[in-house]
Amino acid sequence: MHSYKSNPKFPKMSATEIIALSSVAPKTPAPINHPFSRPGNPPSSSPSPSSTNLSIPSTPPNDEQNIALAQSSKPNLSTARLILTIFVPSLIGFWASFTNGIITVGLPVIARSISLERALYLWPQSVYGLTSGAVLLIAGSVADIVGARSVELLGVFLLGAMTLACGLAQTGVQLVVFRAIQGVALAMHLPASVSIITAAVPAGRARNLGFACLGMSQPLGFSVGLVLSGVMTEKAGWRSGFYLSGGATLVVAIAAYWALPKVNTAVAAGGRSIAERLRKDVDWVGGIIASGGLAILAYVLAVLSADLSTIRSAETASLLAVSLALLLSFPAWMRVQTRAGRPAIIPNSLWKSIPFSATCIMVALSYGAMNSGEIFASLYFQEVQNASTLTTSLYLLPNLVAGVFINLTVGLVVHRVPARWLVSGSAVICACSPLMMALVNPAWNYWYLEFWAQAFAPFSADVLFTVGLIIVSDSFPEKTQALAGAVFNTVAQFGLSLGVGVCQVVALGVMDSGSRASGARKEGEAFEEDVKQVLKGYRASYWTMFAYMLVCVVIAVGGLRGVGKVGLKRE
């Protein structure tokens, strides 16, 4: 894949040339001019099998691996097969996000139906991203070993089965458990889908559109779930949405068995068994350290979002200490792995690249702000303005329309506009959304500010999905594109969990402080908080989202300064 400006002095070799040169004695390669290198710093002289412009310390693949990668990375697929290769993973992502929309709008109804305790009020939503983010890095590494297609098919079948199970849940605990397993299945799908598209779709506009469709499928599915869940909840009950999504996912899983191309995305075995490669080529310890630290931190925030008084408990303090210890030990482990010449799941050298680091931070903040905005907008319309689920769905409809338009447009123009201005401009527009919701008077007409707030909400995250995925995937070798997809989606999923958790903690803190002062809130009343205190809490959370987006603007302007245009066609 090639996403930054090409150097005409050093054109990419075709698969035939690579195979022909593999029998020639190797020569010392000429220095490669890296767009991210600063004047005076010698660029890396080790060519990578990918189009990455970042220096990653790794052992160069042998001739057999080069041949295998050259033969498998550019399969000869017809136009119809290419469309199916993009459409099927995107459709799976659509139905996976559809259930998030159902829970967002139907949460009050679902909570009453299965007697969901206040302490678990946001867990059906947050545990999904929590488990998904915890497994993504390992799932991506495994997909690079055994092949992305196999991991994709297994993950999709599990996703469909767990979605149906959510519809059959009879208690709050059952729903939370099924949603947790559903998140694990999603973690198998996300990196595998990126690897399949990278291997099967040529670089340039076609691959840009492929990434844009992957990005569009998630907010589109979420938004359609928001709209349809209002109708389905009132007419057929909230369980019908899970039945529809689960059944459709299983049908798509069956179709995927024939539709997805059998591209060889796995690294050449070199005579070793899959079990041996999984044991030696996957950084299990690094994945567990990173995922465990982030998962425990997100769990602590989720617990605090349910009851702020738990911050004084020994259990919460211990979990927070363990989380910080794991996160601080991760760079040390990466250094140990790199020095020993063993696989490092995210080498420390990657974080030295300002565009890569900036992109990861922006994706986390942007996804956290966008998903928090959607959840709190749904709660605002229902709990402050007393709107029905159907009316709430219609109020959120501009989010759906804007999301589709943004993703399709970005896929077509991403290679024409410098990434710096594309990302920073979308962040400025997105920042207007929480600002409007923080200032709006509930008595005002919907069209004054609330409509525009919903229309502006998806700009930053939807633009960043395409731009950010191109930058992140170009930071990894061609043979580890599933891991690249896993890194990107890990950042996005934990940004979602942490963003929602922080905003909920802020809102709950403001509500509790106001309730204690007025004595309006009673113990155990989950749905009867004083409306004025609820509104104050929601406004505080929107100011937090506004701050997120301002940080994104600053990072985009400074962090993407030297990137230029991305998603360019590789010659």
Protein backbone atom coordinates (compact mmCIF):
# COMPACT_ATOMS: atom_id res chain seq x y z
CA MET A 1 0.00 0.00 0.00
CA HIS A 2 1.22 3.49 -0.72
CA SER A 3 -0.38 6.47 0.90
CA TYR A 4 2.24 9.18 0.97
CA LYS A 5 3.88 10.93 -1.96
CA SER A 6 5.95 8.59 -4.08
CA ASN A 7 9.59 9.32 -4.86
CA PRO A 8 9.89 8.92 -8.65
CA LYS A 9 13.56 7.93 -8.27
CA PHE A 10 12.60 4.80 -6.46
CA PRO A 11 9.50 3.24 -8.07
CA LYS A 12 7.94 0.14 -6.51
CA MET A 13 8.88 -3.18 -8.17
CA SER A 14 6.18 -5.39 -9.59
CA ALA A 15 5.66 -8.93 -8.38
CA THR A 16 7.49 -10.30 -11.46
CA GLU A 17 10.54 -8.14 -10.79
CA ILE A 18 10.68 -9.19 -7.16
CA ILE A 19 10.60 -12.86 -8.16
CA ALA A 20 13.28 -12.31 -10.78
CA LEU A 21 15.56 -10.48 -8.39
CA SER A 22 15.15 -13.06 -5.66
CA SER A 23 17.76 -15.27 -7.34
CA VAL A 24 20.31 -12.47 -7.65
CA ALA A 25 22.91 -11.90 -4.95
CA PRO A 26 21.77 -9.12 -2.67
CA LYS A 27 23.42 -5.73 -2.88
CA THR A 28 23.57 -2.91 -0.39
CA PRO A 29 20.45 -0.86 -1.09
CA ALA A 30 20.60 2.85 -1.74
CA PRO A 31 19.23 5.13 0.97
CA ILE A 32 15.50 5.72 0.71
CA ASN A 33 14.18 9.24 1.21
CA HIS A 34 11.47 9.04 3.84
CA PRO A 35 8.91 11.85 3.87
CA PHE A 36 8.89 11.73 7.69
CA SER A 37 12.68 11.97 8.04
CA ARG A 38 14.03 15.29 9.20
CA PRO A 39 16.98 16.98 7.51
CA GLY A 40 20.24 15.66 8.84
CA ASN A 41 18.82 12.36 10.05
CA PRO A 42 19.95 9.38 7.96
CA PRO A 43 16.96 7.43 6.69
CA SER A 44 16.62 3.72 7.14
CA SER A 45 18.37 1.68 4.47
CA SER A 46 16.40 -1.50 4.96
CA PRO A 47 13.60 -1.85 2.46
CA SER A 48 10.27 -3.14 3.72
CA PRO A 49 7.91 -5.45 1.88
CA SER A 50 5.21 -2.85 2.42
CA SER A 51 4.94 0.73 1.26
CA THR A 52 5.44 2.03 4.76
CA ASN A 53 7.44 5.19 5.13
CA LEU A 54 8.29 4.51 8.77
CA SER A 55 11.43 2.79 9.99
CA ILE A 56 10.45 -0.43 11.78
CA PRO A 57 13.18 -2.66 13.18
CA SER A 58 12.43 -6.13 11.95
CA THR A 59 14.13 -9.07 10.35
CA PRO A 60 13.85 -8.86 6.55
CA PRO A 61 11.83 -11.75 5.10
CA ASN A 62 13.69 -14.38 3.15
CA ASP A 63 13.33 -14.95 -0.59
CA GLU A 64 10.55 -17.52 -0.24
CA GLN A 65 8.50 -15.11 1.85
CA ASN A 66 9.07 -12.29 -0.64
CA ILE A 67 7.86 -14.52 -3.46
CA ALA A 68 4.81 -15.64 -1.52
CA LEU A 69 3.91 -12.09 -0.60
CA ALA A 70 4.43 -10.83 -4.13
CA GLN A 71 2.23 -13.56 -5.57
CA SER A 72 -0.54 -13.30 -2.98
CA SER A 73 -0.78 -9.56 -2.36
CA LYS A 74 -2.14 -8.78 -5.83
CA PRO A 75 -4.64 -11.45 -6.86
CA ASN A 76 -6.30 -11.14 -10.24
CA LEU A 77 -9.91 -10.53 -9.25
CA SER A 78 -12.71 -9.37 -11.50
CA THR A 79 -14.48 -6.09 -10.79
CA ALA A 80 -17.50 -7.95 -9.44
CA ARG A 81 -15.29 -10.01 -7.10
CA LEU A 82 -13.52 -6.87 -5.88
CA ILE A 83 -16.89 -5.30 -5.10
CA LEU A 84 -17.90 -8.39 -3.12
CA THR A 85 -14.57 -8.38 -1.29
CA ILE A 86 -15.31 -4.87 -0.06
CA PHE A 87 -19.08 -5.26 0.36
CA VAL A 88 -19.17 -8.43 2.48
CA PRO A 89 -16.87 -7.26 5.33
CA SER A 90 -18.60 -3.88 5.25
CA LEU A 91 -22.02 -5.54 5.55
CA ILE A 92 -20.79 -7.55 8.53
CA GLY A 93 -19.59 -4.36 10.19
CA PHE A 94 -22.97 -2.80 9.46
CA TRP A 95 -24.93 -5.50 11.30
CA ALA A 96 -22.44 -5.56 14.16
CA SER A 97 -22.94 -1.83 14.75
CA PHE A 98 -26.69 -2.13 14.22
CA THR A 99 -27.03 -3.71 17.67
CA ASN A 100 -25.20 -0.76 19.25
CA GLY A 101 -27.86 1.53 17.82
CA ILE A 102 -30.58 -0.69 19.26
CA ILE A 103 -29.09 -0.51 22.74
CA THR A 104 -28.44 3.23 22.56
CA VAL A 105 -32.07 4.12 21.83
CA GLY A 106 -33.72 1.21 23.60
CA LEU A 107 -31.60 1.25 26.77
CA PRO A 108 -34.31 2.61 29.08
CA VAL A 109 -36.84 0.07 27.75
CA ILE A 110 -34.33 -2.80 27.87
CA ALA A 111 -33.31 -1.90 31.42
CA ARG A 112 -36.92 -2.01 32.62
CA SER A 113 -37.68 -5.21 30.71
CA ILE A 114 -34.87 -7.31 32.21
CA SER A 115 -34.56 -5.44 35.52
CA LEU A 116 -31.11 -4.11 34.71
CA GLU A 117 -29.58 -2.59 37.83
CA ARG A 118 -28.37 1.00 37.78
CA ALA A 119 -24.84 -0.25 38.42
CA LEU A 120 -25.03 -2.11 35.07
CA TYR A 121 -26.93 0.62 33.23
CA LEU A 122 -24.23 1.36 30.61
CA TRP A 123 -22.56 -2.05 30.68
CA PRO A 124 -24.43 -3.56 27.69
CA GLN A 125 -22.92 -0.74 25.64
CA SER A 126 -19.47 -0.39 27.20
CA VAL A 127 -18.59 -4.08 27.73
CA TYR A 128 -18.88 -4.65 23.97
CA GLY A 129 -16.08 -2.19 23.23
CA LEU A 130 -14.18 -3.31 26.32
CA THR A 131 -13.83 -6.97 25.33
CA SER A 132 -13.35 -6.11 21.68
CA GLY A 133 -10.47 -3.78 22.45
CA ALA A 134 -8.92 -6.30 24.85
CA VAL A 135 -8.72 -9.04 22.20
CA LEU A 136 -7.98 -7.04 19.05
CA LEU A 137 -4.17 -7.06 19.20
CA ILE A 138 -3.96 -10.81 19.79
CA ALA A 139 -6.63 -11.49 17.15
CA GLY A 140 -4.72 -9.42 14.59
CA SER A 141 -1.46 -11.23 15.29
CA VAL A 142 -3.14 -14.62 15.03
CA ALA A 143 -4.82 -13.64 11.75
CA ASP A 144 -1.41 -12.80 10.27
CA ILE A 145 -0.25 -16.33 11.15
CA VAL A 146 -3.23 -18.57 10.27
CA GLY A 147 -4.73 -16.36 7.57
CA ALA A 148 -7.26 -13.54 7.73
CA ARG A 149 -10.01 -15.40 5.88
CA SER A 150 -10.22 -18.21 8.46
CA VAL A 151 -10.31 -15.78 11.37
CA GLU A 152 -12.92 -13.67 9.59
CA LEU A 153 -15.29 -16.59 8.98
CA LEU A 154 -15.00 -17.91 12.54
CA GLY A 155 -15.52 -14.44 14.00
CA VAL A 156 -18.58 -13.71 11.89
CA PHE A 157 -20.35 -16.97 12.78
CA LEU A 158 -19.67 -16.32 16.48
CA LEU A 159 -20.88 -12.73 16.09
CA GLY A 160 -24.19 -13.85 14.60
CA ALA A 161 -24.76 -16.50 17.27
CA MET A 162 -24.07 -14.11 20.16
CA THR A 163 -26.32 -11.43 18.65
CA LEU A 164 -29.20 -13.90 18.63
CA ALA A 165 -28.31 -14.84 22.22
CA CYS A 166 -28.63 -11.18 23.26
CA GLY A 167 -32.20 -11.23 22.00
CA LEU A 168 -32.90 -14.29 24.16
CA ALA A 169 -31.38 -12.82 27.34
CA GLN A 170 -33.70 -12.90 30.35
CA THR A 171 -31.57 -11.04 32.90
CA GLY A 172 -29.20 -8.10 32.88
CA VAL A 173 -26.22 -10.33 33.66
CA GLN A 174 -27.02 -12.59 30.69
CA LEU A 175 -27.22 -9.60 28.35
CA VAL A 176 -23.89 -8.24 29.58
CA VAL A 177 -22.17 -11.65 29.17
CA PHE A 178 -23.53 -12.17 25.64
CA ARG A 179 -22.49 -8.66 24.66
CA ALA A 180 -19.00 -9.35 26.02
CA ILE A 181 -18.62 -12.45 23.82
CA GLN A 182 -20.08 -10.49 20.92
CA GLY A 183 -17.22 -8.02 21.41
CA VAL A 184 -14.66 -10.84 21.19
CA ALA A 185 -16.22 -11.96 17.89
CA LEU A 186 -16.04 -8.40 16.59
CA ALA A 187 -12.34 -8.32 17.51
CA MET A 188 -11.78 -11.25 15.17
CA HIS A 189 -13.65 -9.56 12.32
CA LEU A 190 -12.13 -6.07 12.40
CA PRO A 191 -8.41 -6.79 11.79
CA ALA A 192 -9.16 -9.69 9.44
CA SER A 193 -11.34 -7.48 7.22
CA VAL A 194 -8.57 -4.88 6.93
CA SER A 195 -6.05 -7.57 5.98
CA ILE A 196 -8.34 -9.10 3.34
CA ILE A 197 -9.00 -5.76 1.65
CA THR A 198 -5.32 -4.81 1.78
CA ALA A 199 -4.31 -8.10 0.16
CA ALA A 200 -7.06 -8.28 -2.46
CA VAL A 201 -7.72 -4.66 -3.48
CA PRO A 202 -5.06 -2.67 -5.38
CA ALA A 203 -3.66 0.46 -3.74
CA GLY A 204 -5.14 3.75 -4.84
CA ARG A 205 -8.75 4.84 -5.24
CA ALA A 206 -10.14 1.30 -5.07
CA ARG A 207 -8.51 0.59 -1.72
CA ASN A 208 -9.40 4.06 -0.44
CA LEU A 209 -13.05 3.31 -1.22
CA GLY A 210 -12.66 -0.08 0.45
CA PHE A 211 -11.43 1.54 3.66
CA ALA A 212 -14.13 4.20 3.37
CA CYS A 213 -16.81 1.51 3.06
CA LEU A 214 -15.42 -0.26 6.13
CA GLY A 215 -15.55 3.04 7.96
CA MET A 216 -19.02 3.89 6.67
CA SER A 217 -20.47 0.51 7.63
CA GLN A 218 -20.05 1.06 11.36
CA PRO A 219 -21.66 4.51 11.77
CA LEU A 220 -24.22 3.60 9.10
CA GLY A 221 -25.21 0.42 10.93
CA PHE A 222 -25.30 2.30 14.23
CA SER A 223 -27.46 5.07 12.80
CA VAL A 224 -29.87 2.68 11.05
CA GLY A 225 -30.09 0.79 14.34
CA LEU A 226 -30.96 4.06 16.07
CA VAL A 227 -33.74 4.80 13.60
CA LEU A 228 -35.24 1.31 13.20
CA SER A 229 -34.98 0.40 16.86
CA GLY A 230 -37.44 3.14 17.72
CA VAL A 231 -40.00 1.63 15.36
CA MET A 232 -39.22 -1.99 16.26
CA THR A 233 -39.21 -1.35 20.01
CA GLU A 234 -42.67 0.20 19.90
CA LYS A 235 -44.17 -2.24 17.37
CA ALA A 236 -42.42 -5.58 17.99
CA GLY A 237 -40.32 -5.18 21.16
CA TRP A 238 -36.60 -4.54 21.64
CA ARG A 239 -35.67 -8.21 21.13
CA SER A 240 -36.74 -8.11 17.47
CA GLY A 241 -33.76 -5.92 16.60
CA PHE A 242 -31.30 -8.52 17.89
CA TYR A 243 -33.14 -11.28 16.05
CA LEU A 244 -32.96 -9.32 12.80
CA SER A 245 -29.27 -8.46 13.21
CA GLY A 246 -28.24 -11.96 14.35
CA GLY A 247 -30.11 -13.73 11.58
CA ALA A 248 -28.78 -11.36 8.91
CA THR A 249 -25.20 -11.76 10.22
CA LEU A 250 -25.42 -15.57 9.97
CA VAL A 251 -26.75 -15.30 6.41
CA VAL A 252 -23.87 -12.99 5.47
CA ALA A 253 -21.44 -15.40 7.17
CA ILE A 254 -22.63 -18.21 4.91
CA ALA A 255 -22.31 -15.96 1.86
CA ALA A 256 -18.82 -14.88 2.96
CA TYR A 257 -17.59 -18.48 2.71
CA TRP A 258 -18.01 -18.28 -1.07
CA ALA A 259 -17.62 -14.53 -1.63
CA LEU A 260 -14.35 -13.76 0.15
CA PRO A 261 -11.29 -14.47 -2.02
CA LYS A 262 -8.82 -17.09 -0.83
CA VAL A 263 -5.90 -14.68 -0.69
CA ASN A 264 -2.82 -15.88 1.16
CA THR A 265 -2.47 -13.23 3.86
CA ALA A 266 -0.46 -15.48 6.17
CA VAL A 267 3.32 -15.24 6.35
CA ALA A 268 5.16 -18.16 4.76
CA ALA A 269 5.41 -21.07 7.17
CA GLY A 270 9.03 -21.97 6.42
CA GLY A 271 8.35 -25.62 7.26
CA ARG A 272 6.97 -24.85 10.73
CA SER A 273 3.57 -25.91 11.99
CA ILE A 274 0.84 -23.40 12.78
CA ALA A 275 1.11 -24.24 16.48
CA GLU A 276 4.84 -23.50 16.50
CA ARG A 277 4.35 -20.23 14.63
CA LEU A 278 1.60 -19.15 17.00
CA ARG A 279 3.87 -19.91 19.93
CA LYS A 280 6.98 -18.16 18.59
CA ASP A 281 5.73 -15.47 16.18
CA VAL A 282 2.99 -13.90 18.30
CA ASP A 283 3.92 -11.54 21.11
CA TRP A 284 1.42 -13.01 23.57
CA VAL A 285 2.91 -11.29 26.59
CA GLY A 286 2.92 -7.88 24.93
CA GLY A 287 -0.67 -8.30 23.78
CA ILE A 288 -1.80 -9.34 27.26
CA ILE A 289 0.05 -6.44 28.92
CA ALA A 290 -1.37 -3.79 26.57
CA SER A 291 -4.90 -5.19 26.38
CA GLY A 292 -5.03 -5.99 30.09
CA GLY A 293 -3.91 -2.52 31.11
CA LEU A 294 -6.39 -0.76 28.85
CA ALA A 295 -9.22 -3.15 29.73
CA ILE A 296 -8.76 -2.72 33.48
CA LEU A 297 -8.61 1.07 33.08
CA ALA A 298 -11.83 1.06 31.05
CA TYR A 299 -13.44 -1.22 33.66
CA VAL A 300 -12.52 1.18 36.46
CA LEU A 301 -14.07 4.07 34.55
CA ALA A 302 -17.20 2.00 33.91
CA VAL A 303 -17.50 1.20 37.61
CA LEU A 304 -17.01 4.86 38.53
CA SER A 305 -19.62 5.88 35.98
CA ALA A 306 -22.17 3.79 37.86
CA ASP A 307 -21.21 4.96 41.36
CA LEU A 308 -18.61 7.62 42.05
CA SER A 309 -18.34 6.58 45.70
CA THR A 310 -16.47 3.43 44.61
CA ILE A 311 -13.39 5.59 43.98
CA ARG A 312 -12.74 5.38 47.72
CA SER A 313 -12.81 1.58 47.79
CA ALA A 314 -9.65 -0.50 48.05
CA GLU A 315 -10.72 -2.63 45.08
CA THR A 316 -10.98 0.35 42.73
CA ALA A 317 -7.64 1.76 43.89
CA SER A 318 -5.95 -1.62 43.43
CA LEU A 319 -7.35 -2.10 39.93
CA LEU A 320 -6.28 1.39 38.93
CA ALA A 321 -2.75 0.72 40.24
CA VAL A 322 -2.56 -2.58 38.32
CA SER A 323 -3.75 -0.87 35.16
CA LEU A 324 -1.14 1.87 35.37
CA ALA A 325 1.60 -0.65 36.18
CA LEU A 326 0.73 -2.72 33.09
CA LEU A 327 0.58 0.29 30.78
CA LEU A 328 3.92 1.63 32.06
CA SER A 329 5.57 -1.78 31.67
CA PHE A 330 4.47 -2.18 28.05
CA PRO A 331 7.22 0.01 26.48
CA ALA A 332 9.82 -1.80 28.59
CA TRP A 333 8.61 -5.17 27.29
CA MET A 334 8.67 -3.90 23.71
CA ARG A 335 12.29 -2.86 24.22
CA VAL A 336 13.19 -6.30 25.59
CA GLN A 337 11.52 -8.04 22.63
CA THR A 338 13.18 -5.79 20.07
CA ARG A 339 16.67 -6.18 21.55
CA ALA A 340 16.27 -9.95 21.68
CA GLY A 341 15.14 -10.05 18.03
CA ARG A 342 11.74 -11.46 18.98
CA PRO A 343 8.35 -10.26 17.67
CA ALA A 344 7.15 -7.03 19.28
CA ILE A 345 3.44 -6.42 18.88
CA ILE A 346 3.82 -2.60 18.65
CA PRO A 347 7.53 -1.67 18.46
CA ASN A 348 8.50 1.46 20.37
CA SER A 349 9.99 2.87 17.18
CA LEU A 350 6.48 3.35 15.78
CA TRP A 351 5.66 5.91 18.44
CA LYS A 352 8.65 7.99 17.34
CA SER A 353 6.72 8.76 14.17
CA ILE A 354 4.71 11.89 14.93
CA PRO A 355 2.02 11.17 12.27
CA PHE A 356 1.43 7.64 13.63
CA SER A 357 1.25 8.78 17.27
CA ALA A 358 -0.90 11.79 16.41
CA THR A 359 -3.30 9.64 14.43
CA CYS A 360 -3.75 7.15 17.26
CA ILE A 361 -4.46 9.91 19.79
CA MET A 362 -6.94 11.64 17.48
CA VAL A 363 -8.76 8.42 16.67
CA ALA A 364 -9.19 7.65 20.37
CA LEU A 365 -10.44 11.14 21.22
CA SER A 366 -12.66 11.45 18.17
CA TYR A 367 -14.32 8.06 18.57
CA GLY A 368 -14.86 8.73 22.26
CA ALA A 369 -16.49 12.08 21.52
CA MET A 370 -18.66 10.79 18.67
CA ASN A 371 -20.04 7.76 20.52
CA SER A 372 -20.51 9.69 23.75
CA GLY A 373 -22.40 12.35 21.82
CA GLU A 374 -24.74 9.77 20.29
CA ILE A 375 -25.44 8.07 23.61
CA PHE A 376 -26.02 11.29 25.54
CA ALA A 377 -28.12 12.76 22.72
CA SER A 378 -30.43 9.74 22.90
CA LEU A 379 -30.67 10.04 26.69
CA TYR A 380 -31.18 13.82 26.43
CA PHE A 381 -34.09 13.53 24.03
CA GLN A 382 -35.78 10.81 26.09
CA GLU A 383 -35.03 11.85 29.67
CA VAL A 384 -34.96 15.66 29.36
CA GLN A 385 -37.40 16.30 26.53
CA ASN A 386 -39.52 13.18 27.24
CA ALA A 387 -39.44 12.11 23.57
CA SER A 388 -40.53 8.59 22.62
CA THR A 389 -38.06 6.08 21.22
CA LEU A 390 -39.50 6.63 17.74
CA THR A 391 -39.19 10.41 17.96
CA THR A 392 -35.67 10.06 19.34
CA SER A 393 -34.72 7.89 16.38
CA LEU A 394 -35.98 10.55 13.97
CA TYR A 395 -34.10 13.26 15.86
CA LEU A 396 -30.88 11.27 15.40
CA LEU A 397 -31.49 10.66 11.68
CA PRO A 398 -29.28 13.56 10.44
CA ASN A 399 -26.34 11.70 11.98
CA LEU A 400 -27.03 8.78 9.63
CA VAL A 401 -27.36 10.89 6.49
CA ALA A 402 -24.25 12.93 7.25
CA GLY A 403 -22.21 9.81 8.03
CA VAL A 404 -23.00 8.18 4.67
CA PHE A 405 -22.19 11.37 2.77
CA ILE A 406 -18.91 11.96 4.63
CA ASN A 407 -17.53 8.45 4.15
CA LEU A 408 -18.30 8.25 0.44
CA THR A 409 -16.89 11.72 -0.15
CA VAL A 410 -13.70 11.07 1.80
CA GLY A 411 -13.10 7.82 -0.10
CA LEU A 412 -13.19 9.76 -3.37
CA VAL A 413 -11.17 12.86 -2.40
CA VAL A 414 -8.76 11.65 0.31
CA HIS A 415 -5.90 11.44 -2.21
CA ARG A 416 -6.51 15.01 -3.41
CA VAL A 417 -6.60 16.96 -0.13
CA PRO A 418 -3.68 17.16 2.36
CA ALA A 419 -4.48 15.01 5.37
CA ARG A 420 -3.60 17.81 7.77
CA TRP A 421 -6.40 20.09 6.58
CA LEU A 422 -8.87 17.30 5.94
CA VAL A 423 -8.61 16.02 9.51
CA SER A 424 -8.34 19.40 11.26
CA GLY A 425 -11.25 20.86 9.27
CA SER A 426 -13.51 17.93 10.10
CA ALA A 427 -12.53 18.20 13.78
CA VAL A 428 -13.54 21.89 13.85
CA ILE A 429 -16.94 21.04 12.34
CA CYS A 430 -17.40 18.15 14.77
CA ALA A 431 -16.51 20.37 17.74
CA CYS A 432 -19.58 22.49 16.97
CA SER A 433 -21.84 19.52 17.76
CA PRO A 434 -21.17 19.16 21.53
CA LEU A 435 -20.90 22.94 21.81
CA MET A 436 -24.45 23.32 20.47
CA MET A 437 -25.81 20.59 22.74
CA ALA A 438 -24.15 22.19 25.76
CA LEU A 439 -25.79 25.54 25.00
CA VAL A 440 -29.22 24.50 23.72
CA ASN A 441 -32.34 25.23 25.72
CA PRO A 442 -34.60 22.14 25.89
CA ALA A 443 -37.60 24.39 25.19
CA TRP A 444 -36.17 25.55 21.85
CA ASN A 445 -37.32 24.12 18.53
CA TYR A 446 -35.36 21.08 17.34
CA TRP A 447 -34.29 22.83 14.13
CA TYR A 448 -32.50 25.70 15.93
CA LEU A 449 -29.45 23.82 17.21
CA GLU A 450 -30.22 20.14 17.87
CA PHE A 451 -30.60 19.29 14.18
CA TRP A 452 -27.25 20.85 13.30
CA ALA A 453 -25.59 19.23 16.29
CA GLN A 454 -26.61 15.79 15.01
CA ALA A 455 -25.55 16.58 11.44
CA PHE A 456 -22.07 17.78 12.52
CA ALA A 457 -21.45 14.94 15.01
CA PRO A 458 -19.90 12.27 12.70
CA PHE A 459 -17.50 14.50 10.75
CA SER A 460 -14.26 13.92 12.64
CA ALA A 461 -14.52 10.19 13.35
CA ASP A 462 -15.70 9.31 9.84
CA VAL A 463 -12.91 11.27 8.16
CA LEU A 464 -10.34 9.83 10.54
CA PHE A 465 -11.40 6.25 9.84
CA THR A 466 -10.25 6.43 6.21
CA VAL A 467 -7.29 8.79 6.68
CA GLY A 468 -6.15 7.20 9.92
CA LEU A 469 -6.44 3.64 8.67
CA ILE A 470 -4.29 4.47 5.65
CA ILE A 471 -1.60 6.06 7.84
CA VAL A 472 -1.62 3.24 10.40
CA SER A 473 -1.65 0.42 7.84
CA ASP A 474 1.25 2.05 5.97
CA SER A 475 3.20 1.98 9.23
CA PHE A 476 3.27 -1.83 9.22
CA PRO A 477 4.83 -4.29 6.76
CA GLU A 478 2.55 -5.90 4.18
CA LYS A 479 2.78 -9.23 6.00
CA THR A 480 1.25 -7.84 9.21
CA GLN A 481 -1.73 -5.90 7.88
CA ALA A 482 -4.15 -7.72 10.21
CA LEU A 483 -2.08 -6.45 13.14
CA ALA A 484 -2.20 -2.96 11.60
CA GLY A 485 -5.99 -3.17 11.50
CA ALA A 486 -5.96 -4.47 15.06
CA VAL A 487 -3.88 -1.53 16.31
CA PHE A 488 -6.17 0.97 14.63
CA ASN A 489 -9.36 -0.65 15.91
CA THR A 490 -7.90 -1.15 19.39
CA VAL A 491 -7.29 2.57 19.62
CA ALA A 492 -10.82 3.26 18.33
CA GLN A 493 -12.54 0.75 20.63
CA PHE A 494 -10.74 1.87 23.76
CA GLY A 495 -11.26 5.49 22.78
CA LEU A 496 -14.95 4.64 22.67
CA SER A 497 -14.93 2.92 26.07
CA LEU A 498 -12.73 5.49 27.78
CA GLY A 499 -14.54 8.42 26.18
CA VAL A 500 -17.98 7.19 27.21
CA GLY A 501 -16.67 6.30 30.68
CA VAL A 502 -15.10 9.71 31.30
CA CYS A 503 -18.18 11.58 30.06
CA GLN A 504 -20.44 9.42 32.22
CA VAL A 505 -18.24 10.04 35.27
CA VAL A 506 -18.36 13.79 34.63
CA ALA A 507 -22.14 13.76 34.17
CA LEU A 508 -22.72 11.59 37.23
CA GLY A 509 -20.43 13.76 39.36
CA VAL A 510 -22.36 16.91 38.46
CA MET A 511 -25.71 15.17 39.03
CA ASP A 512 -24.66 13.81 42.41
CA SER A 513 -23.25 17.11 43.64
CA GLY A 514 -26.42 18.93 42.66
CA SER A 515 -28.67 16.24 44.10
CA ARG A 516 -26.89 16.27 47.45
CA ALA A 517 -27.29 20.02 47.62
CA SER A 518 -31.01 19.94 46.80
CA GLY A 519 -31.90 16.58 48.33
CA ALA A 520 -33.83 15.77 45.15
CA ARG A 521 -32.42 12.35 44.46
CA LYS A 522 -33.36 9.23 46.42
CA GLU A 523 -31.39 6.03 46.82
CA GLY A 524 -32.09 3.42 44.12
CA GLU A 525 -34.26 5.57 41.85
CA ALA A 526 -32.77 4.68 38.47
CA PHE A 527 -35.13 6.57 36.21
CA GLU A 528 -36.51 9.40 38.37
CA GLU A 529 -33.61 11.85 38.79
CA ASP A 530 -34.46 15.48 38.92
CA VAL A 531 -34.56 16.71 35.31
CA LYS A 532 -32.63 19.88 36.07
CA GLN A 533 -29.77 17.92 37.61
CA VAL A 534 -29.78 15.47 34.70
CA LEU A 535 -29.58 18.36 32.26
CA LYS A 536 -26.64 19.89 34.16
CA GLY A 537 -24.84 16.55 34.08
CA TYR A 538 -25.43 16.09 30.36
CA ARG A 539 -24.22 19.61 29.63
CA ALA A 540 -21.05 18.96 31.60
CA SER A 541 -20.43 15.83 29.53
CA TYR A 542 -20.92 17.81 26.31
CA TRP A 543 -18.36 20.37 27.44
CA THR A 544 -15.98 17.44 27.98
CA MET A 545 -16.61 16.24 24.41
CA PHE A 546 -16.01 19.78 23.15
CA ALA A 547 -12.62 19.76 24.89
CA TYR A 548 -11.81 16.42 23.23
CA MET A 549 -12.40 17.91 19.80
CA LEU A 550 -10.36 21.03 20.47
CA VAL A 551 -7.43 18.79 21.37
CA CYS A 552 -7.98 16.91 18.10
CA VAL A 553 -7.78 20.15 16.13
CA VAL A 554 -4.47 21.10 17.75
CA ILE A 555 -2.99 17.63 17.21
CA ALA A 556 -4.12 17.50 13.57
CA VAL A 557 -2.54 20.85 12.72
CA GLY A 558 0.75 20.02 14.45
CA GLY A 559 1.01 16.23 14.18
CA LEU A 560 0.14 15.83 10.49
CA ARG A 561 2.23 18.74 9.31
CA GLY A 562 4.56 16.68 7.12
CA VAL A 563 2.19 13.99 5.87
CA GLY A 564 0.77 15.62 2.73
CA LYS A 565 -1.76 13.66 0.70
CA VAL A 566 -2.54 10.05 1.59
CA GLY A 567 -4.10 7.17 -0.33
CA LEU A 568 -2.12 7.79 -3.51
CA LYS A 569 -1.99 5.06 -6.13
CA ARG A 570 1.15 2.94 -6.02
CA GLU A 571 2.92 2.74 -9.34
